[in-house]
Amino acid sequence: MGRHFLIAASLLALAACSSEPEPQETADDFADRIGTGQPLAPDATPTSSLKPGPKAPMAKLGAPKPVPAKFQGTWDFVDGDCSAQSDLRIRVGTNSVQFYESTGVVNGFEQPDENTVILNLSMEGEGEKWEERFRLALVDGGKFLEASEQSGYGAGQAMRRKRCG
């Protein structure tokens, strides 16, 4: 009995050693898969964060419109102090959103409901220029603003902010 067990265990160990390793998902594959909401095709060529390929253009939103007044103002993280030094503070204007180290000018607009706007922003900051989609949603009767990036890493993760002043 012991001899049969030893032979079976040896064969199992040998089979495990000779099998090919399962492919491992890289961080870039994971970010690509999460960013699109779709699984990667089995034959997809992984991209490297060191040599990013050309970014696909975002789907067009409606023509730029002024941001409704109830969204406008200065907002900071719920535990923030609303000072200009707060790195989570944003200032929503008629045609732009000012972040800590960058500014976005509205170049596309959608309003799925009265308490939500989706903005395409032409961003500029720290010597860089890029496009970003940003969602603003008023919650708790307009007491808080939930802001979330919709187009990049971490897309869809809303951050709740309080109105300042």
N, C-alpha and C. Protein backbone atom coordinates (compact mmCIF):
# COMPACT_ATOMS: atom_id res chain seq x y z
N MET A 1 0.83 -1.18 0.00
CA MET A 1 0.00 0.00 0.00
C MET A 1 0.87 1.24 0.00
N GLY A 2 1.88 1.30 0.91
CA GLY A 2 2.76 2.44 1.00
C GLY A 2 3.55 2.64 -0.28
N ARG A 3 3.95 1.50 -0.92
CA ARG A 3 4.72 1.60 -2.14
C ARG A 3 3.88 2.20 -3.26
N HIS A 4 2.59 1.79 -3.37
CA HIS A 4 1.70 2.34 -4.40
C HIS A 4 1.48 3.84 -4.19
N PHE A 5 1.34 4.23 -2.92
CA PHE A 5 1.17 5.65 -2.60
C PHE A 5 2.41 6.45 -3.01
N LEU A 6 3.60 5.90 -2.72
CA LEU A 6 4.85 6.58 -3.08
C LEU A 6 4.99 6.72 -4.58
N ILE A 7 4.63 5.69 -5.34
CA ILE A 7 4.70 5.76 -6.80
C ILE A 7 3.70 6.79 -7.32
N ALA A 8 2.48 6.78 -6.81
CA ALA A 8 1.45 7.73 -7.26
C ALA A 8 1.88 9.16 -6.94
N ALA A 9 2.42 9.38 -5.75
CA ALA A 9 2.88 10.71 -5.37
C ALA A 9 4.03 11.16 -6.27
N SER A 10 4.93 10.26 -6.60
CA SER A 10 6.06 10.60 -7.48
C SER A 10 5.58 10.97 -8.87
N LEU A 11 4.62 10.20 -9.40
CA LEU A 11 4.08 10.50 -10.72
C LEU A 11 3.35 11.85 -10.74
N LEU A 12 2.61 12.12 -9.67
CA LEU A 12 1.90 13.40 -9.58
C LEU A 12 2.88 14.56 -9.52
N ALA A 13 3.95 14.42 -8.74
CA ALA A 13 4.96 15.46 -8.65
C ALA A 13 5.66 15.66 -9.99
N LEU A 14 5.94 14.59 -10.69
CA LEU A 14 6.58 14.66 -12.00
C LEU A 14 5.66 15.35 -13.01
N ALA A 15 4.38 15.02 -12.97
CA ALA A 15 3.42 15.66 -13.88
C ALA A 15 3.33 17.16 -13.60
N ALA A 16 3.35 17.53 -12.33
CA ALA A 16 3.28 18.95 -11.97
C ALA A 16 4.52 19.69 -12.45
N CYS A 17 5.67 19.05 -12.38
CA CYS A 17 6.91 19.70 -12.81
C CYS A 17 6.97 19.86 -14.32
N SER A 18 6.35 18.93 -15.05
CA SER A 18 6.49 18.99 -16.50
C SER A 18 5.44 19.87 -17.15
N SER A 19 4.43 20.27 -16.41
CA SER A 19 3.41 21.12 -17.03
C SER A 19 3.93 22.54 -17.21
N GLU A 20 3.39 23.23 -18.21
CA GLU A 20 3.81 24.60 -18.47
C GLU A 20 3.22 25.51 -17.40
N PRO A 21 3.96 26.55 -17.02
CA PRO A 21 3.42 27.47 -16.02
C PRO A 21 2.24 28.24 -16.60
N GLU A 22 1.28 28.55 -15.73
CA GLU A 22 0.14 29.34 -16.16
C GLU A 22 0.59 30.77 -16.42
N PRO A 23 0.04 31.40 -17.47
CA PRO A 23 0.44 32.79 -17.74
C PRO A 23 0.00 33.70 -16.60
N GLN A 24 0.86 34.63 -16.27
CA GLN A 24 0.58 35.57 -15.20
C GLN A 24 0.14 36.90 -15.79
N GLU A 25 -0.88 37.50 -15.21
CA GLU A 25 -1.35 38.80 -15.68
C GLU A 25 -0.41 39.88 -15.13
N THR A 26 0.08 40.73 -16.02
CA THR A 26 0.95 41.83 -15.59
C THR A 26 0.09 42.98 -15.07
N ALA A 27 0.73 43.92 -14.40
CA ALA A 27 0.01 45.09 -13.89
C ALA A 27 -0.58 45.90 -15.05
N ASP A 28 0.16 45.99 -16.17
CA ASP A 28 -0.36 46.71 -17.33
C ASP A 28 -1.59 46.01 -17.91
N ASP A 29 -1.55 44.65 -17.97
CA ASP A 29 -2.71 43.90 -18.46
C ASP A 29 -3.91 44.17 -17.57
N PHE A 30 -3.69 44.14 -16.26
CA PHE A 30 -4.78 44.38 -15.30
C PHE A 30 -5.35 45.78 -15.49
N ALA A 31 -4.50 46.79 -15.60
CA ALA A 31 -4.97 48.17 -15.78
C ALA A 31 -5.73 48.31 -17.09
N ASP A 32 -5.24 47.66 -18.16
CA ASP A 32 -5.94 47.71 -19.44
C ASP A 32 -7.31 47.05 -19.33
N ARG A 33 -7.36 45.89 -18.68
CA ARG A 33 -8.62 45.15 -18.55
C ARG A 33 -9.61 45.93 -17.70
N ILE A 34 -9.16 46.49 -16.59
CA ILE A 34 -10.05 47.24 -15.71
C ILE A 34 -10.48 48.53 -16.37
N GLY A 35 -9.57 49.19 -17.06
CA GLY A 35 -9.88 50.48 -17.70
C GLY A 35 -10.95 50.36 -18.77
N THR A 36 -11.02 49.23 -19.46
CA THR A 36 -12.02 49.08 -20.52
C THR A 36 -13.25 48.36 -20.03
N GLY A 37 -13.15 47.72 -18.88
CA GLY A 37 -14.28 46.95 -18.39
C GLY A 37 -14.46 45.63 -19.12
N GLN A 38 -13.55 45.30 -20.02
CA GLN A 38 -13.63 44.08 -20.81
C GLN A 38 -12.39 43.23 -20.55
N PRO A 39 -12.55 41.91 -20.58
CA PRO A 39 -11.36 41.07 -20.46
C PRO A 39 -10.50 41.22 -21.71
N LEU A 40 -9.20 41.07 -21.53
CA LEU A 40 -8.30 41.14 -22.67
C LEU A 40 -8.47 39.89 -23.53
N ALA A 41 -8.33 40.05 -24.82
CA ALA A 41 -8.38 38.91 -25.72
C ALA A 41 -7.17 38.03 -25.45
N PRO A 42 -7.31 36.72 -25.62
CA PRO A 42 -6.18 35.82 -25.33
C PRO A 42 -4.95 36.14 -26.16
N ASP A 43 -5.11 36.67 -27.37
CA ASP A 43 -3.97 36.97 -28.22
C ASP A 43 -3.55 38.44 -28.15
N ALA A 44 -4.07 39.19 -27.15
CA ALA A 44 -3.75 40.61 -27.04
C ALA A 44 -2.28 40.80 -26.70
N THR A 45 -1.69 41.78 -27.31
CA THR A 45 -0.29 42.09 -27.04
C THR A 45 -0.24 43.03 -25.85
N PRO A 46 0.44 42.64 -24.76
CA PRO A 46 0.51 43.51 -23.60
C PRO A 46 1.28 44.79 -23.93
N THR A 47 0.88 45.86 -23.28
CA THR A 47 1.58 47.13 -23.46
C THR A 47 2.42 47.40 -22.23
N SER A 48 3.43 48.19 -22.40
CA SER A 48 4.31 48.55 -21.30
C SER A 48 4.03 49.97 -20.88
N SER A 49 4.02 50.21 -19.56
CA SER A 49 3.82 51.57 -19.08
C SER A 49 5.05 52.44 -19.39
N LEU A 50 6.16 51.81 -19.73
CA LEU A 50 7.36 52.57 -20.07
C LEU A 50 7.30 53.14 -21.48
N LYS A 51 6.56 52.47 -22.36
CA LYS A 51 6.42 52.92 -23.75
C LYS A 51 4.94 52.89 -24.11
N PRO A 52 4.16 53.86 -23.62
CA PRO A 52 2.72 53.79 -23.88
C PRO A 52 2.42 53.99 -25.35
N GLY A 53 1.46 53.22 -25.85
CA GLY A 53 1.02 53.37 -27.22
C GLY A 53 0.10 54.56 -27.33
N PRO A 54 -0.33 54.87 -28.53
CA PRO A 54 -1.23 56.01 -28.69
C PRO A 54 -2.54 55.74 -27.97
N LYS A 55 -3.04 56.75 -27.27
CA LYS A 55 -4.27 56.62 -26.51
C LYS A 55 -5.45 56.78 -27.45
N ALA A 56 -6.42 55.89 -27.32
CA ALA A 56 -7.62 55.98 -28.15
C ALA A 56 -8.41 57.21 -27.73
N PRO A 57 -8.97 57.93 -28.71
CA PRO A 57 -9.75 59.11 -28.35
C PRO A 57 -11.00 58.72 -27.59
N MET A 58 -11.42 59.58 -26.66
CA MET A 58 -12.64 59.34 -25.91
C MET A 58 -13.83 59.55 -26.83
N ALA A 59 -14.90 58.83 -26.54
CA ALA A 59 -16.13 59.04 -27.29
C ALA A 59 -16.59 60.47 -27.08
N LYS A 60 -17.14 61.05 -28.11
CA LYS A 60 -17.58 62.44 -28.04
C LYS A 60 -18.79 62.57 -27.13
N LEU A 61 -18.81 63.63 -26.36
CA LEU A 61 -19.99 64.02 -25.61
C LEU A 61 -20.66 65.13 -26.41
N GLY A 62 -21.74 65.65 -25.87
CA GLY A 62 -22.40 66.76 -26.53
C GLY A 62 -21.51 67.99 -26.54
N ALA A 63 -21.95 69.01 -27.24
CA ALA A 63 -21.19 70.26 -27.35
C ALA A 63 -20.97 70.87 -25.96
N PRO A 64 -19.88 71.61 -25.80
CA PRO A 64 -19.63 72.24 -24.50
C PRO A 64 -20.78 73.17 -24.12
N LYS A 65 -21.15 73.13 -22.86
CA LYS A 65 -22.17 74.01 -22.31
C LYS A 65 -21.65 74.52 -20.98
N PRO A 66 -22.19 75.62 -20.49
CA PRO A 66 -21.79 76.08 -19.16
C PRO A 66 -22.19 75.04 -18.10
N VAL A 67 -21.32 74.85 -17.13
CA VAL A 67 -21.62 73.95 -16.01
C VAL A 67 -22.75 74.60 -15.20
N PRO A 68 -23.83 73.87 -14.91
CA PRO A 68 -24.92 74.46 -14.14
C PRO A 68 -24.45 75.05 -12.82
N ALA A 69 -25.07 76.15 -12.41
CA ALA A 69 -24.65 76.92 -11.23
C ALA A 69 -24.59 76.07 -9.97
N LYS A 70 -25.49 75.12 -9.80
CA LYS A 70 -25.49 74.34 -8.55
C LYS A 70 -24.25 73.46 -8.38
N PHE A 71 -23.50 73.22 -9.46
CA PHE A 71 -22.25 72.46 -9.37
C PHE A 71 -21.05 73.38 -9.14
N GLN A 72 -21.22 74.64 -9.47
CA GLN A 72 -20.11 75.59 -9.41
C GLN A 72 -19.75 75.92 -7.96
N GLY A 73 -18.50 76.25 -7.77
CA GLY A 73 -18.01 76.63 -6.45
C GLY A 73 -16.75 75.88 -6.10
N THR A 74 -16.30 76.06 -4.89
CA THR A 74 -15.09 75.40 -4.40
C THR A 74 -15.51 74.24 -3.51
N TRP A 75 -14.91 73.09 -3.76
CA TRP A 75 -15.22 71.85 -3.05
C TRP A 75 -13.91 71.24 -2.55
N ASP A 76 -13.94 70.64 -1.37
CA ASP A 76 -12.75 69.98 -0.84
C ASP A 76 -13.16 68.64 -0.24
N PHE A 77 -12.19 67.74 -0.11
CA PHE A 77 -12.42 66.45 0.52
C PHE A 77 -13.13 66.67 1.85
N VAL A 78 -13.99 65.74 2.24
CA VAL A 78 -14.81 65.94 3.43
C VAL A 78 -13.99 66.24 4.68
N ASP A 79 -12.76 65.77 4.76
CA ASP A 79 -11.89 66.07 5.91
C ASP A 79 -10.91 67.20 5.62
N GLY A 80 -11.02 67.83 4.45
CA GLY A 80 -10.10 68.91 4.06
C GLY A 80 -10.45 70.21 4.76
N ASP A 81 -9.52 71.17 4.68
CA ASP A 81 -9.73 72.47 5.34
C ASP A 81 -10.11 73.58 4.36
N CYS A 82 -10.31 73.24 3.10
CA CYS A 82 -10.73 74.18 2.04
C CYS A 82 -9.68 75.23 1.72
N SER A 83 -8.47 75.11 2.23
CA SER A 83 -7.42 76.09 1.93
C SER A 83 -6.88 75.84 0.52
N ALA A 84 -6.26 76.84 -0.05
CA ALA A 84 -5.66 76.73 -1.38
C ALA A 84 -4.57 75.65 -1.41
N GLN A 85 -4.01 75.31 -0.25
CA GLN A 85 -2.95 74.29 -0.18
C GLN A 85 -3.51 72.86 -0.15
N SER A 86 -4.82 72.70 -0.03
CA SER A 86 -5.41 71.37 0.01
C SER A 86 -5.32 70.74 -1.37
N ASP A 87 -4.63 69.61 -1.48
CA ASP A 87 -4.41 69.00 -2.79
C ASP A 87 -5.64 68.27 -3.33
N LEU A 88 -6.71 68.15 -2.56
CA LEU A 88 -7.93 67.52 -3.03
C LEU A 88 -9.04 68.53 -3.31
N ARG A 89 -8.72 69.78 -3.17
CA ARG A 89 -9.68 70.86 -3.43
C ARG A 89 -9.84 71.04 -4.94
N ILE A 90 -11.07 71.27 -5.37
CA ILE A 90 -11.33 71.61 -6.77
C ILE A 90 -12.24 72.84 -6.80
N ARG A 91 -12.11 73.59 -7.87
CA ARG A 91 -12.98 74.75 -8.06
C ARG A 91 -13.67 74.57 -9.41
N VAL A 92 -14.99 74.43 -9.36
CA VAL A 92 -15.78 74.23 -10.56
C VAL A 92 -16.31 75.58 -11.00
N GLY A 93 -15.95 75.99 -12.21
CA GLY A 93 -16.41 77.25 -12.76
C GLY A 93 -17.41 77.02 -13.88
N THR A 94 -17.77 78.07 -14.56
CA THR A 94 -18.74 78.00 -15.65
C THR A 94 -18.25 77.10 -16.79
N ASN A 95 -16.97 77.24 -17.13
CA ASN A 95 -16.42 76.51 -18.28
C ASN A 95 -15.14 75.74 -17.95
N SER A 96 -14.81 75.60 -16.67
CA SER A 96 -13.55 74.95 -16.32
C SER A 96 -13.62 74.32 -14.93
N VAL A 97 -12.65 73.44 -14.68
CA VAL A 97 -12.47 72.84 -13.36
C VAL A 97 -11.00 73.02 -12.99
N GLN A 98 -10.77 73.67 -11.86
CA GLN A 98 -9.40 73.93 -11.38
C GLN A 98 -9.06 72.89 -10.32
N PHE A 99 -7.99 72.13 -10.56
CA PHE A 99 -7.48 71.15 -9.60
C PHE A 99 -6.25 71.74 -8.93
N TYR A 100 -5.63 71.00 -8.04
CA TYR A 100 -4.48 71.47 -7.28
C TYR A 100 -3.34 71.93 -8.19
N GLU A 101 -2.99 71.12 -9.19
CA GLU A 101 -1.86 71.46 -10.06
C GLU A 101 -2.23 71.44 -11.54
N SER A 102 -3.52 71.50 -11.85
CA SER A 102 -3.93 71.49 -13.25
C SER A 102 -5.29 72.15 -13.41
N THR A 103 -5.61 72.48 -14.65
CA THR A 103 -6.89 73.09 -14.99
C THR A 103 -7.47 72.37 -16.19
N GLY A 104 -8.77 72.14 -16.17
CA GLY A 104 -9.46 71.53 -17.30
C GLY A 104 -10.50 72.47 -17.85
N VAL A 105 -10.49 72.67 -19.16
CA VAL A 105 -11.48 73.50 -19.84
C VAL A 105 -12.51 72.56 -20.46
N VAL A 106 -13.79 72.84 -20.24
CA VAL A 106 -14.87 71.99 -20.73
C VAL A 106 -14.91 72.03 -22.26
N ASN A 107 -14.79 70.83 -22.88
CA ASN A 107 -14.92 70.76 -24.33
C ASN A 107 -15.97 69.75 -24.76
N GLY A 108 -16.68 69.18 -23.80
CA GLY A 108 -17.78 68.27 -24.06
C GLY A 108 -18.65 68.18 -22.81
N PHE A 109 -19.95 67.99 -22.99
CA PHE A 109 -20.87 68.08 -21.86
C PHE A 109 -22.03 67.11 -22.05
N GLU A 110 -22.40 66.45 -20.95
CA GLU A 110 -23.61 65.63 -20.89
C GLU A 110 -24.21 65.81 -19.52
N GLN A 111 -25.54 65.77 -19.44
CA GLN A 111 -26.21 65.85 -18.15
C GLN A 111 -27.26 64.74 -18.10
N PRO A 112 -26.85 63.54 -17.61
CA PRO A 112 -27.77 62.40 -17.59
C PRO A 112 -28.98 62.62 -16.68
N ASP A 113 -28.82 63.42 -15.63
CA ASP A 113 -29.95 63.77 -14.76
C ASP A 113 -29.66 65.11 -14.11
N GLU A 114 -30.61 65.65 -13.37
CA GLU A 114 -30.46 67.01 -12.85
C GLU A 114 -29.33 67.16 -11.84
N ASN A 115 -28.88 66.05 -11.24
CA ASN A 115 -27.82 66.13 -10.23
C ASN A 115 -26.49 65.54 -10.69
N THR A 116 -26.34 65.29 -12.00
CA THR A 116 -25.11 64.70 -12.53
C THR A 116 -24.72 65.38 -13.83
N VAL A 117 -23.45 65.72 -13.95
CA VAL A 117 -22.91 66.19 -15.22
C VAL A 117 -21.65 65.38 -15.52
N ILE A 118 -21.42 65.17 -16.79
CA ILE A 118 -20.21 64.50 -17.26
C ILE A 118 -19.52 65.48 -18.19
N LEU A 119 -18.25 65.75 -17.90
CA LEU A 119 -17.50 66.76 -18.63
C LEU A 119 -16.29 66.14 -19.31
N ASN A 120 -16.09 66.45 -20.57
CA ASN A 120 -14.80 66.20 -21.20
C ASN A 120 -13.98 67.45 -20.95
N LEU A 121 -12.78 67.27 -20.46
CA LEU A 121 -11.92 68.40 -20.11
C LEU A 121 -10.62 68.36 -20.91
N SER A 122 -10.24 69.50 -21.48
CA SER A 122 -8.91 69.66 -22.05
C SER A 122 -8.03 70.11 -20.90
N MET A 123 -7.19 69.21 -20.41
CA MET A 123 -6.40 69.44 -19.21
C MET A 123 -5.03 70.01 -19.56
N GLU A 124 -4.53 70.83 -18.63
CA GLU A 124 -3.19 71.37 -18.73
C GLU A 124 -2.64 71.58 -17.32
N GLY A 125 -1.39 71.14 -17.13
CA GLY A 125 -0.75 71.33 -15.84
C GLY A 125 0.63 70.72 -15.82
N GLU A 126 1.52 71.35 -15.09
CA GLU A 126 2.89 70.88 -14.94
C GLU A 126 3.56 70.61 -16.29
N GLY A 127 3.29 71.47 -17.27
CA GLY A 127 3.91 71.34 -18.58
C GLY A 127 3.31 70.27 -19.47
N GLU A 128 2.23 69.63 -19.06
CA GLU A 128 1.60 68.55 -19.83
C GLU A 128 0.22 68.99 -20.30
N LYS A 129 -0.27 68.34 -21.37
CA LYS A 129 -1.63 68.54 -21.87
C LYS A 129 -2.24 67.17 -22.14
N TRP A 130 -3.51 67.00 -21.79
CA TRP A 130 -4.19 65.74 -22.00
C TRP A 130 -5.69 65.95 -21.94
N GLU A 131 -6.44 64.92 -22.31
CA GLU A 131 -7.90 64.93 -22.26
C GLU A 131 -8.34 64.04 -21.10
N GLU A 132 -9.42 64.42 -20.45
CA GLU A 132 -9.93 63.65 -19.32
C GLU A 132 -11.44 63.79 -19.28
N ARG A 133 -12.11 62.73 -18.89
CA ARG A 133 -13.56 62.78 -18.67
C ARG A 133 -13.79 62.74 -17.17
N PHE A 134 -14.65 63.63 -16.70
CA PHE A 134 -14.87 63.81 -15.27
C PHE A 134 -16.37 63.82 -15.00
N ARG A 135 -16.81 63.10 -14.00
CA ARG A 135 -18.22 63.03 -13.61
C ARG A 135 -18.40 63.77 -12.29
N LEU A 136 -19.39 64.64 -12.23
CA LEU A 136 -19.73 65.37 -11.01
C LEU A 136 -21.17 65.02 -10.65
N ALA A 137 -21.39 64.57 -9.43
CA ALA A 137 -22.75 64.23 -8.99
C ALA A 137 -23.00 64.86 -7.63
N LEU A 138 -24.11 65.59 -7.52
CA LEU A 138 -24.51 66.17 -6.24
C LEU A 138 -25.29 65.12 -5.46
N VAL A 139 -24.93 64.96 -4.18
CA VAL A 139 -25.59 63.97 -3.33
C VAL A 139 -26.01 64.64 -2.02
N ASP A 140 -26.89 63.97 -1.31
CA ASP A 140 -27.42 64.48 -0.04
C ASP A 140 -27.98 65.89 -0.20
N GLY A 141 -28.84 66.06 -1.20
CA GLY A 141 -29.48 67.34 -1.43
C GLY A 141 -28.53 68.45 -1.86
N GLY A 142 -27.42 68.10 -2.46
CA GLY A 142 -26.45 69.09 -2.92
C GLY A 142 -25.44 69.47 -1.87
N LYS A 143 -25.49 68.83 -0.71
CA LYS A 143 -24.53 69.13 0.36
C LYS A 143 -23.13 68.64 0.00
N PHE A 144 -23.05 67.56 -0.77
CA PHE A 144 -21.76 66.98 -1.17
C PHE A 144 -21.70 66.82 -2.68
N LEU A 145 -20.49 66.83 -3.19
CA LEU A 145 -20.23 66.60 -4.60
C LEU A 145 -19.37 65.33 -4.68
N GLU A 146 -19.82 64.36 -5.43
CA GLU A 146 -19.01 63.17 -5.68
C GLU A 146 -18.39 63.35 -7.06
N ALA A 147 -17.08 63.44 -7.09
CA ALA A 147 -16.34 63.68 -8.32
C ALA A 147 -15.53 62.43 -8.63
N SER A 148 -15.56 62.03 -9.90
CA SER A 148 -14.78 60.85 -10.29
C SER A 148 -14.28 61.00 -11.72
N GLU A 149 -13.05 60.57 -11.90
CA GLU A 149 -12.47 60.51 -13.24
C GLU A 149 -13.10 59.32 -13.93
N GLN A 150 -13.41 59.47 -15.20
CA GLN A 150 -14.06 58.41 -15.95
C GLN A 150 -13.19 57.83 -17.05
N SER A 151 -11.98 58.36 -17.24
CA SER A 151 -11.22 58.00 -18.43
C SER A 151 -9.85 57.43 -18.17
N GLY A 152 -9.38 57.37 -16.96
CA GLY A 152 -8.01 56.94 -16.73
C GLY A 152 -7.91 55.91 -15.63
N TYR A 153 -6.72 55.77 -15.11
CA TYR A 153 -6.46 54.83 -14.03
C TYR A 153 -7.34 55.18 -12.84
N GLY A 154 -8.01 54.21 -12.27
CA GLY A 154 -8.88 54.46 -11.15
C GLY A 154 -10.23 55.01 -11.54
N ALA A 155 -10.56 54.91 -12.82
CA ALA A 155 -11.81 55.46 -13.32
C ALA A 155 -12.99 54.93 -12.53
N GLY A 156 -13.90 55.83 -12.25
CA GLY A 156 -15.14 55.47 -11.58
C GLY A 156 -15.09 55.51 -10.07
N GLN A 157 -13.94 55.70 -9.49
CA GLN A 157 -13.85 55.76 -8.04
C GLN A 157 -14.17 57.17 -7.59
N ALA A 158 -15.37 57.36 -7.05
CA ALA A 158 -15.83 58.69 -6.67
C ALA A 158 -15.22 59.13 -5.34
N MET A 159 -14.89 60.41 -5.29
CA MET A 159 -14.40 61.01 -4.05
C MET A 159 -15.41 62.06 -3.60
N ARG A 160 -15.89 61.93 -2.40
CA ARG A 160 -16.88 62.86 -1.86
C ARG A 160 -16.18 64.11 -1.36
N ARG A 161 -16.76 65.25 -1.76
CA ARG A 161 -16.22 66.55 -1.34
C ARG A 161 -17.34 67.40 -0.75
N LYS A 162 -16.98 68.25 0.17
CA LYS A 162 -17.93 69.20 0.78
C LYS A 162 -17.76 70.56 0.11
N ARG A 163 -18.82 71.35 0.17
CA ARG A 163 -18.75 72.70 -0.38
C ARG A 163 -17.99 73.59 0.59
N CYS A 164 -17.10 74.42 0.07
CA CYS A 164 -16.33 75.34 0.90
C CYS A 164 -16.99 76.73 0.88
N GLY A 165 -16.89 77.40 2.00
CA GLY A 165 -17.31 78.80 2.12
C GLY A 165 -18.71 78.99 1.87
